[in-house]
PDB file of N, CA and C in Angstrom:
ATOM      1  N   MET A   1     109.146 117.409  99.664  1.00  0.00           N
ATOM      2  CA  MET A   1     107.861 117.933  99.241  1.00  0.00           C
ATOM      3  C   MET A   1     107.551 119.167 100.090  1.00  0.00           C
ATOM      4  N   ASP A   2     107.144 120.240  99.426  1.00  0.00           N
ATOM      5  CA  ASP A   2     106.890 121.470 100.168  1.00  0.00           C
ATOM      6  C   ASP A   2     105.422 121.549 100.627  1.00  0.00           C
ATOM      7  N   ASP A   3     105.135 122.566 101.437  1.00  0.00           N
ATOM      8  CA  ASP A   3     103.801 122.713 102.021  1.00  0.00           C
ATOM      9  C   ASP A   3     102.709 122.890 100.966  1.00  0.00           C
ATOM     10  N   ALA A   4     103.011 123.611  99.891  1.00  0.00           N
ATOM     11  CA  ALA A   4     102.010 123.819  98.836  1.00  0.00           C
ATOM     12  C   ALA A   4     101.619 122.492  98.186  1.00  0.00           C
ATOM     13  N   GLU A   5     102.596 121.632  97.972  1.00  0.00           N
ATOM     14  CA  GLU A   5     102.306 120.321  97.388  1.00  0.00           C
ATOM     15  C   GLU A   5     101.479 119.471  98.347  1.00  0.00           C
ATOM     16  N   LEU A   6     101.815 119.522  99.640  1.00  0.00           N
ATOM     17  CA  LEU A   6     101.037 118.771 100.626  1.00  0.00           C
ATOM     18  C   LEU A   6      99.602 119.282 100.701  1.00  0.00           C
ATOM     19  N   GLN A   7      99.416 120.614 100.624  1.00  0.00           N
ATOM     20  CA  GLN A   7      98.070 121.184 100.629  1.00  0.00           C
ATOM     21  C   GLN A   7      97.268 120.697  99.422  1.00  0.00           C
ATOM     22  N   LYS A   8      97.892 120.630  98.273  1.00  0.00           N
ATOM     23  CA  LYS A   8      97.216 120.161  97.057  1.00  0.00           C
ATOM     24  C   LYS A   8      96.811 118.701  97.197  1.00  0.00           C
ATOM     25  N   ILE A   9      97.705 117.877  97.707  1.00  0.00           N
ATOM     26  CA  ILE A   9      97.391 116.460  97.911  1.00  0.00           C
ATOM     27  C   ILE A   9      96.253 116.320  98.914  1.00  0.00           C
ATOM     28  N   ALA A  10      96.302 117.083 100.003  1.00  0.00           N
ATOM     29  CA  ALA A  10      95.244 117.025 101.016  1.00  0.00           C
ATOM     30  C   ALA A  10      93.903 117.456 100.422  1.00  0.00           C
ATOM     31  N   ALA A  11      93.909 118.490  99.584  1.00  0.00           N
ATOM     32  CA  ALA A  11      92.667 118.947  98.937  1.00  0.00           C
ATOM     33  C   ALA A  11      92.122 117.877  97.991  1.00  0.00           C
ATOM     34  N   ASP A  12      93.002 117.229  97.251  1.00  0.00           N
ATOM     35  CA  ASP A  12      92.564 116.151  96.356  1.00  0.00           C
ATOM     36  C   ASP A  12      91.964 114.997  97.161  1.00  0.00           C
ATOM     37  N   ASN A  13      92.620 114.646  98.269  1.00  0.00           N
ATOM     38  CA  ASN A  13      92.095 113.570  99.113  1.00  0.00           C
ATOM     39  C   ASN A  13      90.786 113.968  99.776  1.00  0.00           C
ATOM     40  N   GLU A  14      90.650 115.238 100.119  1.00  0.00           N
ATOM     41  CA  GLU A  14      89.394 115.707 100.705  1.00  0.00           C
ATOM     42  C   GLU A  14      88.243 115.502  99.719  1.00  0.00           C
ATOM     43  N   ASN A  15      88.476 115.801  98.456  1.00  0.00           N
ATOM     44  CA  ASN A  15      87.447 115.574  97.438  1.00  0.00           C
ATOM     45  C   ASN A  15      87.087 114.100  97.338  1.00  0.00           C
ATOM     46  N   LEU A  16      88.089 113.231  97.377  1.00  0.00           N
ATOM     47  CA  LEU A  16      87.820 111.790  97.342  1.00  0.00           C
ATOM     48  C   LEU A  16      86.979 111.355  98.544  1.00  0.00           C
ATOM     49  N   ILE A  17      87.346 111.852  99.715  1.00  0.00           N
ATOM     50  CA  ILE A  17      86.643 111.477 100.946  1.00  0.00           C
ATOM     51  C   ILE A  17      85.201 111.984 100.913  1.00  0.00           C
ATOM     52  N   LEU A  18      85.012 113.246 100.549  1.00  0.00           N
ATOM     53  CA  LEU A  18      83.673 113.838 100.548  1.00  0.00           C
ATOM     54  C   LEU A  18      82.747 113.212  99.513  1.00  0.00           C
ATOM     55  N   ASN A  19      83.312 112.715  98.418  1.00  0.00           N
ATOM     56  CA  ASN A  19      82.499 112.114  97.368  1.00  0.00           C
ATOM     57  C   ASN A  19      82.357 110.601  97.491  1.00  0.00           C
ATOM     58  N   ALA A  20      82.965 110.035  98.500  1.00  0.00           N
ATOM     59  CA  ALA A  20      82.896 108.585  98.696  1.00  0.00           C
ATOM     60  C   ALA A  20      81.548 108.177  99.281  1.00  0.00           C
ATOM     61  N   GLU A  21      81.148 106.976  98.972  1.00  0.00           N
ATOM     62  CA  GLU A  21      79.916 106.423  99.550  1.00  0.00           C
ATOM     63  C   GLU A  21      80.054 106.292 101.065  1.00  0.00           C
ATOM     64  N   ASN A  22      81.250 105.932 101.519  1.00  0.00           N
ATOM     65  CA  ASN A  22      81.535 105.807 102.950  1.00  0.00           C
ATOM     66  C   ASN A  22      82.786 106.635 103.247  1.00  0.00           C
ATOM     67  N   PRO A  23      82.624 107.906 103.633  1.00  0.00           N
ATOM     68  CA  PRO A  23      83.770 108.786 103.853  1.00  0.00           C
ATOM     69  C   PRO A  23      84.775 108.272 104.887  1.00  0.00           C
ATOM     70  N   GLY A  24      84.298 107.663 105.945  1.00  0.00           N
ATOM     71  CA  GLY A  24      85.205 107.141 106.967  1.00  0.00           C
ATOM     72  C   GLY A  24      86.096 106.046 106.419  1.00  0.00           C
ATOM     73  N   GLU A  25      85.519 105.157 105.636  1.00  0.00           N
ATOM     74  CA  GLU A  25      86.310 104.080 105.036  1.00  0.00           C
ATOM     75  C   GLU A  25      87.271 104.635 103.990  1.00  0.00           C
ATOM     76  N   ALA A  26      86.849 105.659 103.268  1.00  0.00           N
ATOM     77  CA  ALA A  26      87.742 106.289 102.281  1.00  0.00           C
ATOM     78  C   ALA A  26      88.960 106.880 102.979  1.00  0.00           C
ATOM     79  N   LEU A  27      88.758 107.558 104.102  1.00  0.00           N
ATOM     80  CA  LEU A  27      89.877 108.114 104.866  1.00  0.00           C
ATOM     81  C   LEU A  27      90.791 106.999 105.361  1.00  0.00           C
ATOM     82  N   ARG A  28      90.210 105.942 105.921  1.00  0.00           N
ATOM     83  CA  ARG A  28      91.026 104.823 106.406  1.00  0.00           C
ATOM     84  C   ARG A  28      91.844 104.199 105.270  1.00  0.00           C
ATOM     85  N   ALA A  29      91.241 104.066 104.099  1.00  0.00           N
ATOM     86  CA  ALA A  29      91.951 103.488 102.955  1.00  0.00           C
ATOM     87  C   ALA A  29      93.137 104.364 102.546  1.00  0.00           C
ATOM     88  N   ILE A  30      92.951 105.667 102.547  1.00  0.00           N
ATOM     89  CA  ILE A  30      94.042 106.585 102.210  1.00  0.00           C
ATOM     90  C   ILE A  30      95.170 106.459 103.229  1.00  0.00           C
ATOM     91  N   LEU A  31      94.817 106.430 104.503  1.00  0.00           N
ATOM     92  CA  LEU A  31      95.817 106.328 105.562  1.00  0.00           C
ATOM     93  C   LEU A  31      96.567 105.003 105.500  1.00  0.00           C
ATOM     94  N   ARG A  32      95.866 103.919 105.212  1.00  0.00           N
ATOM     95  CA  ARG A  32      96.496 102.601 105.160  1.00  0.00           C
ATOM     96  C   ARG A  32      97.380 102.417 103.931  1.00  0.00           C
ATOM     97  N   SER A  33      97.031 103.077 102.834  1.00  0.00           N
ATOM     98  CA  SER A  33      97.711 102.812 101.566  1.00  0.00           C
ATOM     99  C   SER A  33      99.042 103.541 101.406  1.00  0.00           C
ATOM    100  N   ALA A  34      99.333 104.476 102.263  1.00  0.00           N
ATOM    101  CA  ALA A  34     100.562 105.267 102.119  1.00  0.00           C
ATOM    102  C   ALA A  34     101.588 104.892 103.183  1.00  0.00           C
ATOM    103  N   ASP A  35     102.846 105.059 102.821  1.00  0.00           N
ATOM    104  CA  ASP A  35     103.936 104.809 103.766  1.00  0.00           C
ATOM    105  C   ASP A  35     104.135 105.991 104.708  1.00  0.00           C
ATOM    106  N   VAL A  36     103.957 107.198 104.175  1.00  0.00           N
ATOM    107  CA  VAL A  36     104.118 108.436 104.944  1.00  0.00           C
ATOM    108  C   VAL A  36     102.863 109.275 104.741  1.00  0.00           C
ATOM    109  N   VAL A  37     102.276 109.717 105.857  1.00  0.00           N
ATOM    110  CA  VAL A  37     101.044 110.509 105.782  1.00  0.00           C
ATOM    111  C   VAL A  37     101.185 111.740 106.666  1.00  0.00           C
ATOM    112  N   TYR A  38     100.875 112.891 106.090  1.00  0.00           N
ATOM    113  CA  TYR A  38     100.827 114.147 106.841  1.00  0.00           C
ATOM    114  C   TYR A  38      99.376 114.577 106.999  1.00  0.00           C
ATOM    115  N   GLY A  39      99.056 115.146 108.152  1.00  0.00           N
ATOM    116  CA  GLY A  39      97.788 115.820 108.357  1.00  0.00           C
ATOM    117  C   GLY A  39      98.025 117.302 108.125  1.00  0.00           C
ATOM    118  N   VAL A  40      97.209 117.919 107.290  1.00  0.00           N
ATOM    119  CA  VAL A  40      97.343 119.333 106.961  1.00  0.00           C
ATOM    120  C   VAL A  40      96.131 120.058 107.533  1.00  0.00           C
ATOM    121  N   TYR A  41      96.378 121.119 108.290  1.00  0.00           N
ATOM    122  CA  TYR A  41      95.286 121.828 108.952  1.00  0.00           C
ATOM    123  C   TYR A  41      95.562 123.334 108.960  1.00  0.00           C
ATOM    124  N   PRO A  42      94.490 124.137 109.077  1.00  0.00           N
ATOM    125  CA  PRO A  42      94.664 125.592 109.091  1.00  0.00           C
ATOM    126  C   PRO A  42      95.369 126.057 110.366  1.00  0.00           C
ATOM    127  N   ALA A  43      96.224 127.064 110.197  1.00  0.00           N
ATOM    128  CA  ALA A  43      96.933 127.626 111.346  1.00  0.00           C
ATOM    129  C   ALA A  43      97.407 129.039 111.010  1.00  0.00           C
ATOM    130  N   GLN A  44      97.031 130.004 111.808  1.00  0.00           N
ATOM    131  CA  GLN A  44      97.489 131.387 111.716  1.00  0.00           C
ATOM    132  C   GLN A  44      97.561 131.922 110.287  1.00  0.00           C
ATOM    133  N   GLY A  45      96.441 131.906 109.596  1.00  0.00           N
ATOM    134  CA  GLY A  45      96.362 132.473 108.257  1.00  0.00           C
ATOM    135  C   GLY A  45      96.976 131.625 107.162  1.00  0.00           C
ATOM    136  N   GLY A  46      97.461 130.468 107.499  1.00  0.00           N
ATOM    137  CA  GLY A  46      98.058 129.576 106.510  1.00  0.00           C
ATOM    138  C   GLY A  46      97.715 128.140 106.838  1.00  0.00           C
ATOM    139  N   CYS A  47      98.699 127.295 106.730  1.00  0.00           N
ATOM    140  CA  CYS A  47      98.462 125.903 107.088  1.00  0.00           C
ATOM    141  C   CYS A  47      99.650 125.376 107.871  1.00  0.00           C
ATOM    142  N   ALA A  48      99.411 124.306 108.579  1.00  0.00           N
ATOM    143  CA  ALA A  48     100.448 123.605 109.320  1.00  0.00           C
ATOM    144  C   ALA A  48     100.314 122.127 108.985  1.00  0.00           C
ATOM    145  N   LYS A  49     101.325 121.364 109.353  1.00  0.00           N
ATOM    146  CA  LYS A  49     101.269 119.936 109.076  1.00  0.00           C
ATOM    147  C   LYS A  49     101.787 119.161 110.272  1.00  0.00           C
ATOM    148  N   LEU A  50     101.309 117.938 110.370  1.00  0.00           N
ATOM    149  CA  LEU A  50     101.748 117.026 111.424  1.00  0.00           C
ATOM    150  C   LEU A  50     101.953 115.671 110.779  1.00  0.00           C
ATOM    151  N   LEU A  51     103.079 115.047 111.049  1.00  0.00           N
ATOM    152  CA  LEU A  51     103.334 113.716 110.526  1.00  0.00           C
ATOM    153  C   LEU A  51     102.456 112.723 111.272  1.00  0.00           C
ATOM    154  N   ILE A  52     101.578 112.064 110.552  1.00  0.00           N
ATOM    155  CA  ILE A  52     100.672 111.086 111.141  1.00  0.00           C
ATOM    156  C   ILE A  52     101.317 109.704 111.149  1.00  0.00           C
ATOM    157  N   LYS A  53     102.001 109.375 110.094  1.00  0.00           N
ATOM    158  CA  LYS A  53     102.516 108.018 109.917  1.00  0.00           C
ATOM    159  C   LYS A  53     103.794 108.068 109.083  1.00  0.00           C
ATOM    160  N   GLY A  54     104.791 107.235 109.445  1.00  0.00           N
ATOM    161  CA  GLY A  54     105.975 107.078 108.624  1.00  0.00           C
ATOM    162  C   GLY A  54     107.249 107.689 109.164  1.00  0.00           C
ATOM    163  N   GLN A  55     107.298 108.005 110.435  1.00  0.00           N
ATOM    164  CA  GLN A  55     108.487 108.632 111.015  1.00  0.00           C
ATOM    165  C   GLN A  55     109.745 107.824 110.722  1.00  0.00           C
ATOM    166  N   GLY A  56     109.681 106.528 110.828  1.00  0.00           N
ATOM    167  CA  GLY A  56     110.844 105.679 110.608  1.00  0.00           C
ATOM    168  C   GLY A  56     111.361 105.715 109.184  1.00  0.00           C
ATOM    169  N   LEU A  57     110.527 106.139 108.256  1.00  0.00           N
ATOM    170  CA  LEU A  57     110.945 106.207 106.859  1.00  0.00           C
ATOM    171  C   LEU A  57     111.578 107.542 106.504  1.00  0.00           C
ATOM    172  N   LEU A  58     111.557 108.477 107.434  1.00  0.00           N
ATOM    173  CA  LEU A  58     112.115 109.803 107.169  1.00  0.00           C
ATOM    174  C   LEU A  58     113.492 109.982 107.792  1.00  0.00           C
ATOM    175  N   ASP A  59     114.149 108.880 108.126  1.00  0.00           N
ATOM    176  CA  ASP A  59     115.451 108.943 108.776  1.00  0.00           C
ATOM    177  C   ASP A  59     116.616 109.048 107.801  1.00  0.00           C
ATOM    178  N   GLY A  60     116.315 109.113 106.506  1.00  0.00           N
ATOM    179  CA  GLY A  60     117.364 109.224 105.506  1.00  0.00           C
ATOM    180  C   GLY A  60     117.882 107.882 105.020  1.00  0.00           C
ATOM    181  N   LYS A  61     117.541 106.804 105.701  1.00  0.00           N
ATOM    182  CA  LYS A  61     117.985 105.471 105.308  1.00  0.00           C
ATOM    183  C   LYS A  61     116.957 104.755 104.439  1.00  0.00           C
ATOM    184  N   HIS A  62     115.719 105.204 104.515  1.00  0.00           N
ATOM    185  CA  HIS A  62     114.634 104.562 103.782  1.00  0.00           C
ATOM    186  C   HIS A  62     114.050 105.534 102.770  1.00  0.00           C
ATOM    187  N   VAL A  63     113.560 105.002 101.705  1.00  0.00           N
ATOM    188  CA  VAL A  63     112.873 105.815 100.709  1.00  0.00           C
ATOM    189  C   VAL A  63     111.405 105.408 100.731  1.00  0.00           C
ATOM    190  N   PRO A  64     110.512 106.319 101.159  1.00  0.00           N
ATOM    191  CA  PRO A  64     109.093 105.950 101.191  1.00  0.00           C
ATOM    192  C   PRO A  64     108.581 105.688  99.781  1.00  0.00           C
ATOM    193  N   ARG A  65     107.749 104.666  99.675  1.00  0.00           N
ATOM    194  CA  ARG A  65     107.175 104.340  98.382  1.00  0.00           C
ATOM    195  C   ARG A  65     106.015 105.260  98.047  1.00  0.00           C
ATOM    196  N   LYS A  66     105.242 105.639  99.046  1.00  0.00           N
ATOM    197  CA  LYS A  66     104.088 106.493  98.778  1.00  0.00           C
ATOM    198  C   LYS A  66     103.909 107.482  99.922  1.00  0.00           C
ATOM    199  N   LEU A  67     103.815 108.755  99.568  1.00  0.00           N
ATOM    200  CA  LEU A  67     103.591 109.824 100.527  1.00  0.00           C
ATOM    201  C   LEU A  67     102.267 110.483 100.175  1.00  0.00           C
ATOM    202  N   THR A  68     101.471 110.793 101.190  1.00  0.00           N
ATOM    203  CA  THR A  68     100.209 111.484 100.960  1.00  0.00           C
ATOM    204  C   THR A  68      99.930 112.435 102.110  1.00  0.00           C
ATOM    205  N   ALA A  69      98.854 113.177 101.967  1.00  0.00           N
ATOM    206  CA  ALA A  69      98.419 114.113 103.005  1.00  0.00           C
ATOM    207  C   ALA A  69      96.896 114.064 103.078  1.00  0.00           C
ATOM    208  N   VAL A  70      96.388 114.248 104.282  1.00  0.00           N
ATOM    209  CA  VAL A  70      94.942 114.267 104.479  1.00  0.00           C
ATOM    210  C   VAL A  70      94.548 115.580 105.140  1.00  0.00           C
ATOM    211  N   PRO A  71      93.355 116.060 104.827  1.00  0.00           N
ATOM    212  CA  PRO A  71      92.893 117.303 105.439  1.00  0.00           C
ATOM    213  C   PRO A  71      92.450 117.056 106.883  1.00  0.00           C
ATOM    214  N   CYS A  72      92.780 118.001 107.740  1.00  0.00           N
ATOM    215  CA  CYS A  72      92.332 117.957 109.136  1.00  0.00           C
ATOM    216  C   CYS A  72      91.774 119.333 109.475  1.00  0.00           C
ATOM    217  N   ARG A  73      90.807 119.364 110.364  1.00  0.00           N
ATOM    218  CA  ARG A  73      90.220 120.640 110.761  1.00  0.00           C
ATOM    219  C   ARG A  73      91.075 121.369 111.795  1.00  0.00           C
ATOM    220  N   SER A  74      91.925 120.604 112.505  1.00  0.00           N
ATOM    221  CA  SER A  74      92.730 121.202 113.569  1.00  0.00           C
ATOM    222  C   SER A  74      93.923 120.314 113.886  1.00  0.00           C
ATOM    223  N   ALA A  75      94.840 120.856 114.686  1.00  0.00           N
ATOM    224  CA  ALA A  75      95.982 120.061 115.140  1.00  0.00           C
ATOM    225  C   ALA A  75      95.498 118.893 115.984  1.00  0.00           C
ATOM    226  N   GLU A  76      94.446 119.120 116.754  1.00  0.00           N
ATOM    227  CA  GLU A  76      93.901 118.051 117.601  1.00  0.00           C
ATOM    228  C   GLU A  76      93.409 116.881 116.747  1.00  0.00           C
ATOM    229  N   GLU A  77      92.723 117.184 115.663  1.00  0.00           N
ATOM    230  CA  GLU A  77      92.253 116.118 114.780  1.00  0.00           C
ATOM    231  C   GLU A  77      93.442 115.363 114.171  1.00  0.00           C
ATOM    232  N   ALA A  78      94.484 116.076 113.774  1.00  0.00           N
ATOM    233  CA  ALA A  78      95.681 115.433 113.222  1.00  0.00           C
ATOM    234  C   ALA A  78      96.335 114.537 114.270  1.00  0.00           C
ATOM    235  N   ARG A  79      96.398 115.002 115.529  1.00  0.00           N
ATOM    236  CA  ARG A  79      96.984 114.183 116.596  1.00  0.00           C
ATOM    237  C   ARG A  79      96.148 112.935 116.866  1.00  0.00           C
ATOM    238  N   THR A  80      94.826 113.049 116.741  1.00  0.00           N
ATOM    239  CA  THR A  80      93.959 111.891 116.923  1.00  0.00           C
ATOM    240  C   THR A  80      94.220 110.859 115.830  1.00  0.00           C
ATOM    241  N   LEU A  81      94.360 111.309 114.581  1.00  0.00           N
ATOM    242  CA  LEU A  81      94.684 110.392 113.492  1.00  0.00           C
ATOM    243  C   LEU A  81      96.057 109.761 113.715  1.00  0.00           C
ATOM    244  N   GLN A  82      96.994 110.544 114.222  1.00  0.00           N
ATOM    245  CA  GLN A  82      98.333 110.038 114.508  1.00  0.00           C
ATOM    246  C   GLN A  82      98.276 108.942 115.577  1.00  0.00           C
ATOM    247  N   ALA A  83      97.503 109.182 116.622  1.00  0.00           N
ATOM    248  CA  ALA A  83      97.378 108.197 117.700  1.00  0.00           C
ATOM    249  C   ALA A  83      96.694 106.913 117.220  1.00  0.00           C
ATOM    250  N   THR A  84      95.763 107.054 116.293  1.00  0.00           N
ATOM    251  CA  THR A  84      95.007 105.893 115.824  1.00  0.00           C
ATOM    252  C   THR A  84      95.704 105.151 114.692  1.00  0.00           C
ATOM    253  N   PHE A  85      96.243 105.879 113.736  1.00  0.00           N
ATOM    254  CA  PHE A  85      96.800 105.257 112.535  1.00  0.00           C
ATOM    255  C   PHE A  85      98.311 105.376 112.414  1.00  0.00           C
ATOM    256  N   GLY A  86      98.928 106.076 113.339  1.00  0.00           N
ATOM    257  CA  GLY A  86     100.371 106.310 113.250  1.00  0.00           C
ATOM    258  C   GLY A  86     101.198 105.081 113.515  1.00  0.00           C
ATOM    259  N   ASP A  87     102.486 105.271 113.585  1.00  0.00           N
ATOM    260  CA  ASP A  87     103.420 104.175 113.703  1.00  0.00           C
ATOM    261  C   ASP A  87     103.178 103.296 114.924  1.00  0.00           C
ATOM    262  N   GLY A  88     102.667 103.866 115.991  1.00  0.00           N
ATOM    263  CA  GLY A  88     102.355 103.086 117.176  1.00  0.00           C
ATOM    264  C   GLY A  88     100.866 103.002 117.424  1.00  0.00           C
ATOM    265  N   GLY A  89     100.071 103.279 116.380  1.00  0.00           N
ATOM    266  CA  GLY A  89      98.626 103.362 116.524  1.00  0.00           C
ATOM    267  C   GLY A  89      97.946 102.058 116.880  1.00  0.00           C
ATOM    268  N   ALA A  90      96.727 102.202 117.367  1.00  0.00           N
ATOM    269  CA  ALA A  90      95.942 101.054 117.790  1.00  0.00           C
ATOM    270  C   ALA A  90      95.466 100.219 116.615  1.00  0.00           C
ATOM    271  N   ARG A  91      95.065 100.863 115.527  1.00  0.00           N
ATOM    272  CA  ARG A  91      94.609 100.133 114.342  1.00  0.00           C
ATOM    273  C   ARG A  91      95.080 100.841 113.090  1.00  0.00           C
ATOM    274  N   ARG A  92      95.169 100.080 112.047  1.00  0.00           N
ATOM    275  CA  ARG A  92      95.617 100.654 110.776  1.00  0.00           C
ATOM    276  C   ARG A  92      94.697 100.286 109.679  1.00  0.00           C
TER     277      ARG A  92
END
């Protein structure tokens, strides 16, 4: 999946989150429901991405069932989501 596709998925998820009755729970549901999650954030006139969850599924031996992307305001926010919801995160 290329960066443009990830940006589109992140934008679609952003709309879901912003229109949800409980945006925090909507974000958590998106993060929990996918096998692989990227955080997409602005960087130097474009966008960058950080793998939040699913590193073990990207080793070529596994086929992820569901891949998604979530919008982040910065790399720091993406790293926070990675620490909380990632493969070694405190809660999922």
